[in-house]
Amino acid sequence: MKGGAVYILANKRNGTLYIGVTSNLVTRIAQHRSGEVPGFSQRYGTKTLVYYEAYDDISEAILREKRLKKWNRSWKIELIEGDNPQWRDLYDQITGFPLSRE
């Protein structure tokens, strides 16, 4: 089984949060940003990658996603701000180049 990642998207600092899991983080975040992913993320405009964790095994990422979704909001914000206090968009960090901004 191959690796994966759990990630958190936001629509703004301290705004709406979306937690997801994927086997291809770069592609999945690009899909969210372009509006290709219907549902919660599209409806609330959660397009900014504010946190992610990579795993060697996708099943570990899935387990972590399920646990994070049960956390209360303040814990999720503490997790984000522990690594990303400015709520910077981390997309450039995972791709090495900026995605065009609309």
PDB file of N, CA and C in Angstrom:
ATOM      1  N   MET A   1       0.851  -1.183   0.000  1.00  0.00           N
ATOM      2  CA  MET A   1       0.000   0.000   0.000  1.00  0.00           C
ATOM      3  C   MET A   1       0.892   1.240   0.000  1.00  0.00           C
ATOM      4  N   LYS A   2       0.520   2.251  -0.761  1.00  0.00           N
ATOM      5  CA  LYS A   2       1.357   3.439  -0.831  1.00  0.00           C
ATOM      6  C   LYS A   2       0.939   4.495   0.174  1.00  0.00           C
ATOM      7  N   GLY A   3       1.718   5.555   0.250  1.00  0.00           N
ATOM      8  CA  GLY A   3       1.528   6.601   1.245  1.00  0.00           C
ATOM      9  C   GLY A   3       0.366   7.530   0.970  1.00  0.00           C
ATOM     10  N   GLY A   4       0.207   8.449   1.897  1.00  0.00           N
ATOM     11  CA  GLY A   4      -0.866   9.423   1.786  1.00  0.00           C
ATOM     12  C   GLY A   4      -0.633  10.596   2.700  1.00  0.00           C
ATOM     13  N   ALA A   5      -1.599  11.476   2.748  1.00  0.00           N
ATOM     14  CA  ALA A   5      -1.493  12.668   3.580  1.00  0.00           C
ATOM     15  C   ALA A   5      -2.867  13.058   4.098  1.00  0.00           C
ATOM     16  N   VAL A   6      -2.863  13.634   5.279  1.00  0.00           N
ATOM     17  CA  VAL A   6      -4.051  14.274   5.821  1.00  0.00           C
ATOM     18  C   VAL A   6      -3.780  15.763   5.744  1.00  0.00           C
ATOM     19  N   TYR A   7      -4.809  16.554   5.461  1.00  0.00           N
ATOM     20  CA  TYR A   7      -4.596  17.979   5.259  1.00  0.00           C
ATOM     21  C   TYR A   7      -5.761  18.783   5.814  1.00  0.00           C
ATOM     22  N   ILE A   8      -5.476  20.052   6.100  1.00  0.00           N
ATOM     23  CA  ILE A   8      -6.511  20.970   6.555  1.00  0.00           C
ATOM     24  C   ILE A   8      -6.503  22.177   5.634  1.00  0.00           C
ATOM     25  N   LEU A   9      -7.678  22.510   5.122  1.00  0.00           N
ATOM     26  CA  LEU A   9      -7.877  23.695   4.301  1.00  0.00           C
ATOM     27  C   LEU A   9      -8.704  24.700   5.096  1.00  0.00           C
ATOM     28  N   ALA A  10      -8.522  25.976   4.800  1.00  0.00           N
ATOM     29  CA  ALA A  10      -9.307  27.029   5.436  1.00  0.00           C
ATOM     30  C   ALA A  10      -9.740  28.036   4.376  1.00  0.00           C
ATOM     31  N   ASN A  11     -10.808  28.761   4.677  1.00  0.00           N
ATOM     32  CA  ASN A  11     -11.231  29.814   3.748  1.00  0.00           C
ATOM     33  C   ASN A  11     -10.640  31.164   4.148  1.00  0.00           C
ATOM     34  N   LYS A  12     -10.159  31.272   5.396  1.00  0.00           N
ATOM     35  CA  LYS A  12      -9.467  32.465   5.888  1.00  0.00           C
ATOM     36  C   LYS A  12      -8.908  32.134   7.267  1.00  0.00           C
ATOM     37  N   ARG A  13      -8.100  33.000   7.819  1.00  0.00           N
ATOM     38  CA  ARG A  13      -7.542  32.784   9.149  1.00  0.00           C
ATOM     39  C   ARG A  13      -8.680  32.643  10.157  1.00  0.00           C
ATOM     40  N   ASN A  14      -8.644  31.592  10.951  1.00  0.00           N
ATOM     41  CA  ASN A  14      -9.678  31.286  11.937  1.00  0.00           C
ATOM     42  C   ASN A  14     -11.058  31.100  11.319  1.00  0.00           C
ATOM     43  N   GLY A  15     -11.098  30.800  10.037  1.00  0.00           N
ATOM     44  CA  GLY A  15     -12.371  30.631   9.342  1.00  0.00           C
ATOM     45  C   GLY A  15     -12.821  29.184   9.335  1.00  0.00           C
ATOM     46  N   THR A  16     -13.577  28.841   8.315  1.00  0.00           N
ATOM     47  CA  THR A  16     -14.091  27.487   8.146  1.00  0.00           C
ATOM     48  C   THR A  16     -12.940  26.547   7.813  1.00  0.00           C
ATOM     49  N   LEU A  17     -12.942  25.373   8.436  1.00  0.00           N
ATOM     50  CA  LEU A  17     -11.894  24.379   8.228  1.00  0.00           C
ATOM     51  C   LEU A  17     -12.458  23.144   7.542  1.00  0.00           C
ATOM     52  N   TYR A  18     -11.633  22.538   6.691  1.00  0.00           N
ATOM     53  CA  TYR A  18     -11.977  21.283   6.027  1.00  0.00           C
ATOM     54  C   TYR A  18     -10.808  20.335   6.238  1.00  0.00           C
ATOM     55  N   ILE A  19     -11.077  19.123   6.684  1.00  0.00           N
ATOM     56  CA  ILE A  19     -10.046  18.111   6.868  1.00  0.00           C
ATOM     57  C   ILE A  19     -10.279  17.004   5.849  1.00  0.00           C
ATOM     58  N   GLY A  20      -9.210  16.645   5.132  1.00  0.00           N
ATOM     59  CA  GLY A  20      -9.311  15.595   4.130  1.00  0.00           C
ATOM     60  C   GLY A  20      -8.107  14.675   4.150  1.00  0.00           C
ATOM     61  N   VAL A  21      -8.186  13.630   3.355  1.00  0.00           N
ATOM     62  CA  VAL A  21      -7.098  12.670   3.219  1.00  0.00           C
ATOM     63  C   VAL A  21      -6.951  12.336   1.735  1.00  0.00           C
ATOM     64  N   THR A  22      -5.727  12.067   1.301  1.00  0.00           N
ATOM     65  CA  THR A  22      -5.473  11.789  -0.107  1.00  0.00           C
ATOM     66  C   THR A  22      -4.199  10.984  -0.283  1.00  0.00           C
ATOM     67  N   SER A  23      -4.090  10.339  -1.428  1.00  0.00           N
ATOM     68  CA  SER A  23      -2.850   9.654  -1.775  1.00  0.00           C
ATOM     69  C   SER A  23      -1.960  10.541  -2.648  1.00  0.00           C
ATOM     70  N   ASN A  24      -2.482  11.695  -3.091  1.00  0.00           N
ATOM     71  CA  ASN A  24      -1.699  12.629  -3.908  1.00  0.00           C
ATOM     72  C   ASN A  24      -2.045  14.055  -3.477  1.00  0.00           C
ATOM     73  N   LEU A  25      -1.278  14.578  -2.554  1.00  0.00           N
ATOM     74  CA  LEU A  25      -1.585  15.877  -1.943  1.00  0.00           C
ATOM     75  C   LEU A  25      -1.580  17.023  -2.955  1.00  0.00           C
ATOM     76  N   VAL A  26      -0.588  17.092  -3.793  1.00  0.00           N
ATOM     77  CA  VAL A  26      -0.490  18.191  -4.759  1.00  0.00           C
ATOM     78  C   VAL A  26      -1.707  18.229  -5.671  1.00  0.00           C
ATOM     79  N   THR A  27      -2.054  17.086  -6.242  1.00  0.00           N
ATOM     80  CA  THR A  27      -3.200  17.021  -7.151  1.00  0.00           C
ATOM     81  C   THR A  27      -4.502  17.339  -6.424  1.00  0.00           C
ATOM     82  N   ARG A  28      -4.675  16.789  -5.234  1.00  0.00           N
ATOM     83  CA  ARG A  28      -5.921  17.001  -4.501  1.00  0.00           C
ATOM     84  C   ARG A  28      -6.111  18.464  -4.122  1.00  0.00           C
ATOM     85  N   ILE A  29      -5.054  19.122  -3.667  1.00  0.00           N
ATOM     86  CA  ILE A  29      -5.180  20.532  -3.301  1.00  0.00           C
ATOM     87  C   ILE A  29      -5.469  21.371  -4.549  1.00  0.00           C
ATOM     88  N   ALA A  30      -4.832  21.056  -5.663  1.00  0.00           N
ATOM     89  CA  ALA A  30      -5.126  21.758  -6.919  1.00  0.00           C
ATOM     90  C   ALA A  30      -6.593  21.604  -7.294  1.00  0.00           C
ATOM     91  N   GLN A  31      -7.155  20.414  -7.075  1.00  0.00           N
ATOM     92  CA  GLN A  31      -8.573  20.184  -7.367  1.00  0.00           C
ATOM     93  C   GLN A  31      -9.462  21.037  -6.466  1.00  0.00           C
ATOM     94  N   HIS A  32      -9.137  21.096  -5.188  1.00  0.00           N
ATOM     95  CA  HIS A  32      -9.913  21.947  -4.273  1.00  0.00           C
ATOM     96  C   HIS A  32      -9.843  23.407  -4.727  1.00  0.00           C
ATOM     97  N   ARG A  33      -8.655  23.850  -5.051  1.00  0.00           N
ATOM     98  CA  ARG A  33      -8.457  25.255  -5.407  1.00  0.00           C
ATOM     99  C   ARG A  33      -9.178  25.639  -6.690  1.00  0.00           C
ATOM    100  N   SER A  34      -9.296  24.699  -7.608  1.00  0.00           N
ATOM    101  CA  SER A  34      -9.961  25.000  -8.881  1.00  0.00           C
ATOM    102  C   SER A  34     -11.477  24.804  -8.808  1.00  0.00           C
ATOM    103  N   GLY A  35     -11.970  24.293  -7.684  1.00  0.00           N
ATOM    104  CA  GLY A  35     -13.406  24.083  -7.534  1.00  0.00           C
ATOM    105  C   GLY A  35     -13.895  22.759  -8.083  1.00  0.00           C
ATOM    106  N   GLU A  36     -12.980  21.849  -8.412  1.00  0.00           N
ATOM    107  CA  GLU A  36     -13.356  20.548  -8.974  1.00  0.00           C
ATOM    108  C   GLU A  36     -13.981  19.604  -7.955  1.00  0.00           C
ATOM    109  N   VAL A  37     -13.779  19.880  -6.667  1.00  0.00           N
ATOM    110  CA  VAL A  37     -14.259  18.974  -5.626  1.00  0.00           C
ATOM    111  C   VAL A  37     -15.605  19.483  -5.113  1.00  0.00           C
ATOM    112  N   PRO A  38     -16.697  18.847  -5.500  1.00  0.00           N
ATOM    113  CA  PRO A  38     -18.012  19.307  -5.036  1.00  0.00           C
ATOM    114  C   PRO A  38     -18.214  19.002  -3.557  1.00  0.00           C
ATOM    115  N   GLY A  39     -19.114  19.724  -2.932  1.00  0.00           N
ATOM    116  CA  GLY A  39     -19.441  19.458  -1.535  1.00  0.00           C
ATOM    117  C   GLY A  39     -18.984  20.571  -0.611  1.00  0.00           C
ATOM    118  N   PHE A  40     -18.631  20.187   0.589  1.00  0.00           N
ATOM    119  CA  PHE A  40     -18.306  21.133   1.662  1.00  0.00           C
ATOM    120  C   PHE A  40     -17.223  22.125   1.257  1.00  0.00           C
ATOM    121  N   SER A  41     -16.120  21.621   0.754  1.00  0.00           N
ATOM    122  CA  SER A  41     -14.985  22.481   0.411  1.00  0.00           C
ATOM    123  C   SER A  41     -15.377  23.530  -0.637  1.00  0.00           C
ATOM    124  N   GLN A  42     -16.080  23.105  -1.638  1.00  0.00           N
ATOM    125  CA  GLN A  42     -16.525  24.027  -2.688  1.00  0.00           C
ATOM    126  C   GLN A  42     -17.540  25.038  -2.139  1.00  0.00           C
ATOM    127  N   ARG A  43     -18.476  24.558  -1.347  1.00  0.00           N
ATOM    128  CA  ARG A  43     -19.536  25.400  -0.802  1.00  0.00           C
ATOM    129  C   ARG A  43     -18.989  26.504   0.107  1.00  0.00           C
ATOM    130  N   TYR A  44     -17.983  26.167   0.932  1.00  0.00           N
ATOM    131  CA  TYR A  44     -17.460  27.128   1.896  1.00  0.00           C
ATOM    132  C   TYR A  44     -16.149  27.794   1.470  1.00  0.00           C
ATOM    133  N   GLY A  45     -15.666  27.476   0.288  1.00  0.00           N
ATOM    134  CA  GLY A  45     -14.477  28.137  -0.240  1.00  0.00           C
ATOM    135  C   GLY A  45     -13.190  27.831   0.515  1.00  0.00           C
ATOM    136  N   THR A  46     -13.097  26.631   1.053  1.00  0.00           N
ATOM    137  CA  THR A  46     -11.871  26.249   1.768  1.00  0.00           C
ATOM    138  C   THR A  46     -10.833  25.810   0.736  1.00  0.00           C
ATOM    139  N   LYS A  47      -9.946  26.737   0.374  1.00  0.00           N
ATOM    140  CA  LYS A  47      -8.958  26.502  -0.677  1.00  0.00           C
ATOM    141  C   LYS A  47      -7.526  26.715  -0.216  1.00  0.00           C
ATOM    142  N   THR A  48      -7.326  27.227   0.981  1.00  0.00           N
ATOM    143  CA  THR A  48      -5.981  27.521   1.470  1.00  0.00           C
ATOM    144  C   THR A  48      -5.462  26.352   2.300  1.00  0.00           C
ATOM    145  N   LEU A  49      -4.359  25.756   1.858  1.00  0.00           N
ATOM    146  CA  LEU A  49      -3.739  24.657   2.592  1.00  0.00           C
ATOM    147  C   LEU A  49      -2.974  25.242   3.775  1.00  0.00           C
ATOM    148  N   VAL A  50      -3.485  24.984   4.989  1.00  0.00           N
ATOM    149  CA  VAL A  50      -2.860  25.563   6.186  1.00  0.00           C
ATOM    150  C   VAL A  50      -2.122  24.536   7.030  1.00  0.00           C
ATOM    151  N   TYR A  51      -2.332  23.238   6.746  1.00  0.00           N
ATOM    152  CA  TYR A  51      -1.677  22.192   7.527  1.00  0.00           C
ATOM    153  C   TYR A  51      -1.727  20.880   6.762  1.00  0.00           C
ATOM    154  N   TYR A  52      -0.673  20.080   6.894  1.00  0.00           N
ATOM    155  CA  TYR A  52      -0.699  18.726   6.339  1.00  0.00           C
ATOM    156  C   TYR A  52       0.298  17.846   7.070  1.00  0.00           C
ATOM    157  N   GLU A  53       0.043  16.551   7.019  1.00  0.00           N
ATOM    158  CA  GLU A  53       0.943  15.530   7.561  1.00  0.00           C
ATOM    159  C   GLU A  53       1.051  14.434   6.514  1.00  0.00           C
ATOM    160  N   ALA A  54       2.280  13.992   6.221  1.00  0.00           N
ATOM    161  CA  ALA A  54       2.509  12.919   5.261  1.00  0.00           C
ATOM    162  C   ALA A  54       2.728  11.601   6.000  1.00  0.00           C
ATOM    163  N   TYR A  55       2.244  10.525   5.399  1.00  0.00           N
ATOM    164  CA  TYR A  55       2.357   9.185   5.970  1.00  0.00           C
ATOM    165  C   TYR A  55       2.859   8.217   4.912  1.00  0.00           C
ATOM    166  N   ASP A  56       3.635   7.217   5.337  1.00  0.00           N
ATOM    167  CA  ASP A  56       4.128   6.189   4.423  1.00  0.00           C
ATOM    168  C   ASP A  56       3.011   5.247   3.984  1.00  0.00           C
ATOM    169  N   ASP A  57       1.979   5.123   4.804  1.00  0.00           N
ATOM    170  CA  ASP A  57       0.881   4.205   4.537  1.00  0.00           C
ATOM    171  C   ASP A  57      -0.438   4.982   4.567  1.00  0.00           C
ATOM    172  N   ILE A  58      -1.221   4.890   3.508  1.00  0.00           N
ATOM    173  CA  ILE A  58      -2.484   5.629   3.413  1.00  0.00           C
ATOM    174  C   ILE A  58      -3.436   5.278   4.555  1.00  0.00           C
ATOM    175  N   SER A  59      -3.374   4.052   5.044  1.00  0.00           N
ATOM    176  CA  SER A  59      -4.276   3.668   6.135  1.00  0.00           C
ATOM    177  C   SER A  59      -3.973   4.471   7.400  1.00  0.00           C
ATOM    178  N   GLU A  60      -2.710   4.829   7.625  1.00  0.00           N
ATOM    179  CA  GLU A  60      -2.357   5.684   8.758  1.00  0.00           C
ATOM    180  C   GLU A  60      -2.940   7.086   8.579  1.00  0.00           C
ATOM    181  N   ALA A  61      -2.885   7.593   7.358  1.00  0.00           N
ATOM    182  CA  ALA A  61      -3.445   8.915   7.066  1.00  0.00           C
ATOM    183  C   ALA A  61      -4.960   8.920   7.275  1.00  0.00           C
ATOM    184  N   ILE A  62      -5.620   7.866   6.853  1.00  0.00           N
ATOM    185  CA  ILE A  62      -7.073   7.762   7.017  1.00  0.00           C
ATOM    186  C   ILE A  62      -7.440   7.736   8.500  1.00  0.00           C
ATOM    187  N   LEU A  63      -6.701   6.983   9.279  1.00  0.00           N
ATOM    188  CA  LEU A  63      -6.938   6.921  10.716  1.00  0.00           C
ATOM    189  C   LEU A  63      -6.747   8.294  11.364  1.00  0.00           C
ATOM    190  N   ARG A  64      -5.687   8.987  10.967  1.00  0.00           N
ATOM    191  CA  ARG A  64      -5.421  10.324  11.516  1.00  0.00           C
ATOM    192  C   ARG A  64      -6.547  11.290  11.128  1.00  0.00           C
ATOM    193  N   GLU A  65      -7.019  11.225   9.891  1.00  0.00           N
ATOM    194  CA  GLU A  65      -8.117  12.092   9.453  1.00  0.00           C
ATOM    195  C   GLU A  65      -9.350  11.874  10.327  1.00  0.00           C
ATOM    196  N   LYS A  66      -9.698  10.629  10.565  1.00  0.00           N
ATOM    197  CA  LYS A  66     -10.871  10.324  11.387  1.00  0.00           C
ATOM    198  C   LYS A  66     -10.718  10.878  12.795  1.00  0.00           C
ATOM    199  N   ARG A  67      -9.513  10.769  13.346  1.00  0.00           N
ATOM    200  CA  ARG A  67      -9.270  11.304  14.687  1.00  0.00           C
ATOM    201  C   ARG A  67      -9.362  12.826  14.710  1.00  0.00           C
ATOM    202  N   LEU A  68      -8.745  13.474  13.725  1.00  0.00           N
ATOM    203  CA  LEU A  68      -8.771  14.946  13.679  1.00  0.00           C
ATOM    204  C   LEU A  68     -10.190  15.482  13.535  1.00  0.00           C
ATOM    205  N   LYS A  69     -11.020  14.791  12.770  1.00  0.00           N
ATOM    206  CA  LYS A  69     -12.397  15.249  12.577  1.00  0.00           C
ATOM    207  C   LYS A  69     -13.199  15.223  13.880  1.00  0.00           C
ATOM    208  N   LYS A  70     -12.773  14.399  14.836  1.00  0.00           N
ATOM    209  CA  LYS A  70     -13.452  14.332  16.131  1.00  0.00           C
ATOM    210  C   LYS A  70     -12.947  15.391  17.113  1.00  0.00           C
ATOM    211  N   TRP A  71     -11.825  16.016  16.810  1.00  0.00           N
ATOM    212  CA  TRP A  71     -11.269  17.044  17.694  1.00  0.00           C
ATOM    213  C   TRP A  71     -12.185  18.263  17.749  1.00  0.00           C
ATOM    214  N   ASN A  72     -12.124  18.985  18.866  1.00  0.00           N
ATOM    215  CA  ASN A  72     -12.877  20.236  18.901  1.00  0.00           C
ATOM    216  C   ASN A  72     -12.105  21.306  18.129  1.00  0.00           C
ATOM    217  N   ARG A  73     -12.790  22.351  17.772  1.00  0.00           N
ATOM    218  CA  ARG A  73     -12.231  23.398  16.915  1.00  0.00           C
ATOM    219  C   ARG A  73     -10.955  24.011  17.497  1.00  0.00           C
ATOM    220  N   SER A  74     -10.944  24.284  18.789  1.00  0.00           N
ATOM    221  CA  SER A  74      -9.775  24.944  19.384  1.00  0.00           C
ATOM    222  C   SER A  74      -8.522  24.075  19.265  1.00  0.00           C
ATOM    223  N   TRP A  75      -8.665  22.763  19.362  1.00  0.00           N
ATOM    224  CA  TRP A  75      -7.508  21.874  19.196  1.00  0.00           C
ATOM    225  C   TRP A  75      -6.989  21.932  17.759  1.00  0.00           C
ATOM    226  N   LYS A  76      -7.911  21.975  16.800  1.00  0.00           N
ATOM    227  CA  LYS A  76      -7.509  22.051  15.387  1.00  0.00           C
ATOM    228  C   LYS A  76      -6.755  23.354  15.120  1.00  0.00           C
ATOM    229  N   ILE A  77      -7.247  24.439  15.680  1.00  0.00           N
ATOM    230  CA  ILE A  77      -6.575  25.737  15.499  1.00  0.00           C
ATOM    231  C   ILE A  77      -5.189  25.708  16.144  1.00  0.00           C
ATOM    232  N   GLU A  78      -5.069  25.118  17.326  1.00  0.00           N
ATOM    233  CA  GLU A  78      -3.760  24.985  17.974  1.00  0.00           C
ATOM    234  C   GLU A  78      -2.807  24.157  17.117  1.00  0.00           C
ATOM    235  N   LEU A  79      -3.307  23.089  16.511  1.00  0.00           N
ATOM    236  CA  LEU A  79      -2.489  22.249  15.641  1.00  0.00           C
ATOM    237  C   LEU A  79      -1.961  23.066  14.462  1.00  0.00           C
ATOM    238  N   ILE A  80      -2.840  23.805  13.814  1.00  0.00           N
ATOM    239  CA  ILE A  80      -2.445  24.639  12.669  1.00  0.00           C
ATOM    240  C   ILE A  80      -1.418  25.670  13.111  1.00  0.00           C
ATOM    241  N   GLU A  81      -1.735  26.400  14.170  1.00  0.00           N
ATOM    242  CA  GLU A  81      -0.869  27.503  14.588  1.00  0.00           C
ATOM    243  C   GLU A  81       0.457  27.031  15.185  1.00  0.00           C
ATOM    244  N   GLY A  82       0.535  25.760  15.608  1.00  0.00           N
ATOM    245  CA  GLY A  82       1.797  25.218  16.090  1.00  0.00           C
ATOM    246  C   GLY A  82       2.861  25.178  15.003  1.00  0.00           C
ATOM    247  N   ASP A  83       2.437  24.871  13.778  1.00  0.00           N
ATOM    248  CA  ASP A  83       3.360  24.804  12.631  1.00  0.00           C
ATOM    249  C   ASP A  83       3.231  26.001  11.694  1.00  0.00           C
ATOM    250  N   ASN A  84       2.107  26.663  11.711  1.00  0.00           N
ATOM    251  CA  ASN A  84       1.820  27.714  10.732  1.00  0.00           C
ATOM    252  C   ASN A  84       1.078  28.865  11.405  1.00  0.00           C
ATOM    253  N   PRO A  85       1.750  29.593  12.312  1.00  0.00           N
ATOM    254  CA  PRO A  85       1.063  30.643  13.084  1.00  0.00           C
ATOM    255  C   PRO A  85       0.479  31.778  12.233  1.00  0.00           C
ATOM    256  N   GLN A  86       1.008  31.981  11.052  1.00  0.00           N
ATOM    257  CA  GLN A  86       0.502  33.049  10.172  1.00  0.00           C
ATOM    258  C   GLN A  86      -0.590  32.567   9.219  1.00  0.00           C
ATOM    259  N   TRP A  87      -0.932  31.289   9.302  1.00  0.00           N
ATOM    260  CA  TRP A  87      -1.933  30.687   8.408  1.00  0.00           C
ATOM    261  C   TRP A  87      -1.543  30.908   6.941  1.00  0.00           C
ATOM    262  N   ARG A  88      -0.249  30.783   6.646  1.00  0.00           N
ATOM    263  CA  ARG A  88       0.219  30.909   5.266  1.00  0.00           C
ATOM    264  C   ARG A  88      -0.329  29.769   4.422  1.00  0.00           C
ATOM    265  N   ASP A  89      -0.475  30.015   3.145  1.00  0.00           N
ATOM    266  CA  ASP A  89      -0.874  28.974   2.210  1.00  0.00           C
ATOM    267  C   ASP A  89       0.355  28.108   1.939  1.00  0.00           C
ATOM    268  N   LEU A  90       0.278  26.840   2.261  1.00  0.00           N
ATOM    269  CA  LEU A  90       1.411  25.932   2.142  1.00  0.00           C
ATOM    270  C   LEU A  90       1.497  25.237   0.785  1.00  0.00           C
ATOM    271  N   TYR A  91       0.641  25.611  -0.146  1.00  0.00           N
ATOM    272  CA  TYR A  91       0.652  24.966  -1.456  1.00  0.00           C
ATOM    273  C   TYR A  91       2.011  25.103  -2.139  1.00  0.00           C
ATOM    274  N   ASP A  92       2.592  26.301  -2.092  1.00  0.00           N
ATOM    275  CA  ASP A  92       3.899  26.514  -2.713  1.00  0.00           C
ATOM    276  C   ASP A  92       4.956  25.598  -2.090  1.00  0.00           C
ATOM    277  N   GLN A  93       4.828  25.349  -0.813  1.00  0.00           N
ATOM    278  CA  GLN A  93       5.778  24.498  -0.088  1.00  0.00           C
ATOM    279  C   GLN A  93       5.750  23.060  -0.597  1.00  0.00           C
ATOM    280  N   ILE A  94       4.570  22.566  -0.957  1.00  0.00           N
ATOM    281  CA  ILE A  94       4.482  21.173  -1.412  1.00  0.00           C
ATOM    282  C   ILE A  94       4.750  21.017  -2.892  1.00  0.00           C
ATOM    283  N   THR A  95       4.669  22.111  -3.661  1.00  0.00           N
ATOM    284  CA  THR A  95       4.897  22.008  -5.095  1.00  0.00           C
ATOM    285  C   THR A  95       6.236  22.584  -5.527  1.00  0.00           C
ATOM    286  N   GLY A  96       6.742  23.531  -4.764  1.00  0.00           N
ATOM    287  CA  GLY A  96       7.981  24.197  -5.145  1.00  0.00           C
ATOM    288  C   GLY A  96       7.767  25.375  -6.069  1.00  0.00           C
ATOM    289  N   PHE A  97       6.523  25.615  -6.471  1.00  0.00           N
ATOM    290  CA  PHE A  97       6.206  26.780  -7.304  1.00  0.00           C
ATOM    291  C   PHE A  97       4.778  27.225  -7.019  1.00  0.00           C
ATOM    292  N   PRO A  98       4.500  28.511  -7.166  1.00  0.00           N
ATOM    293  CA  PRO A  98       3.153  29.007  -6.874  1.00  0.00           C
ATOM    294  C   PRO A  98       2.128  28.620  -7.925  1.00  0.00           C
ATOM    295  N   LEU A  99       0.933  28.326  -7.451  1.00  0.00           N
ATOM    296  CA  LEU A  99      -0.200  28.102  -8.332  1.00  0.00           C
ATOM    297  C   LEU A  99      -0.720  29.477  -8.719  1.00  0.00           C
ATOM    298  N   SER A 100      -1.124  29.667  -9.940  1.00  0.00           N
ATOM    299  CA  SER A 100      -1.612  30.980 -10.346  1.00  0.00           C
ATOM    300  C   SER A 100      -2.797  31.377  -9.487  1.00  0.00           C
ATOM    301  N   ARG A 101      -2.802  32.611  -9.061  1.00  0.00           N
ATOM    302  CA  ARG A 101      -3.855  33.134  -8.191  1.00  0.00           C
ATOM    303  C   ARG A 101      -4.932  33.794  -9.061  1.00  0.00           C
ATOM    304  N   GLU A 102      -6.168  33.566  -8.681  1.00  0.00           N
ATOM    305  CA  GLU A 102      -7.274  34.167  -9.452  1.00  0.00           C
ATOM    306  C   GLU A 102      -7.751  35.410  -8.774  1.00  0.00           C
TER     307      GLU A 102
END
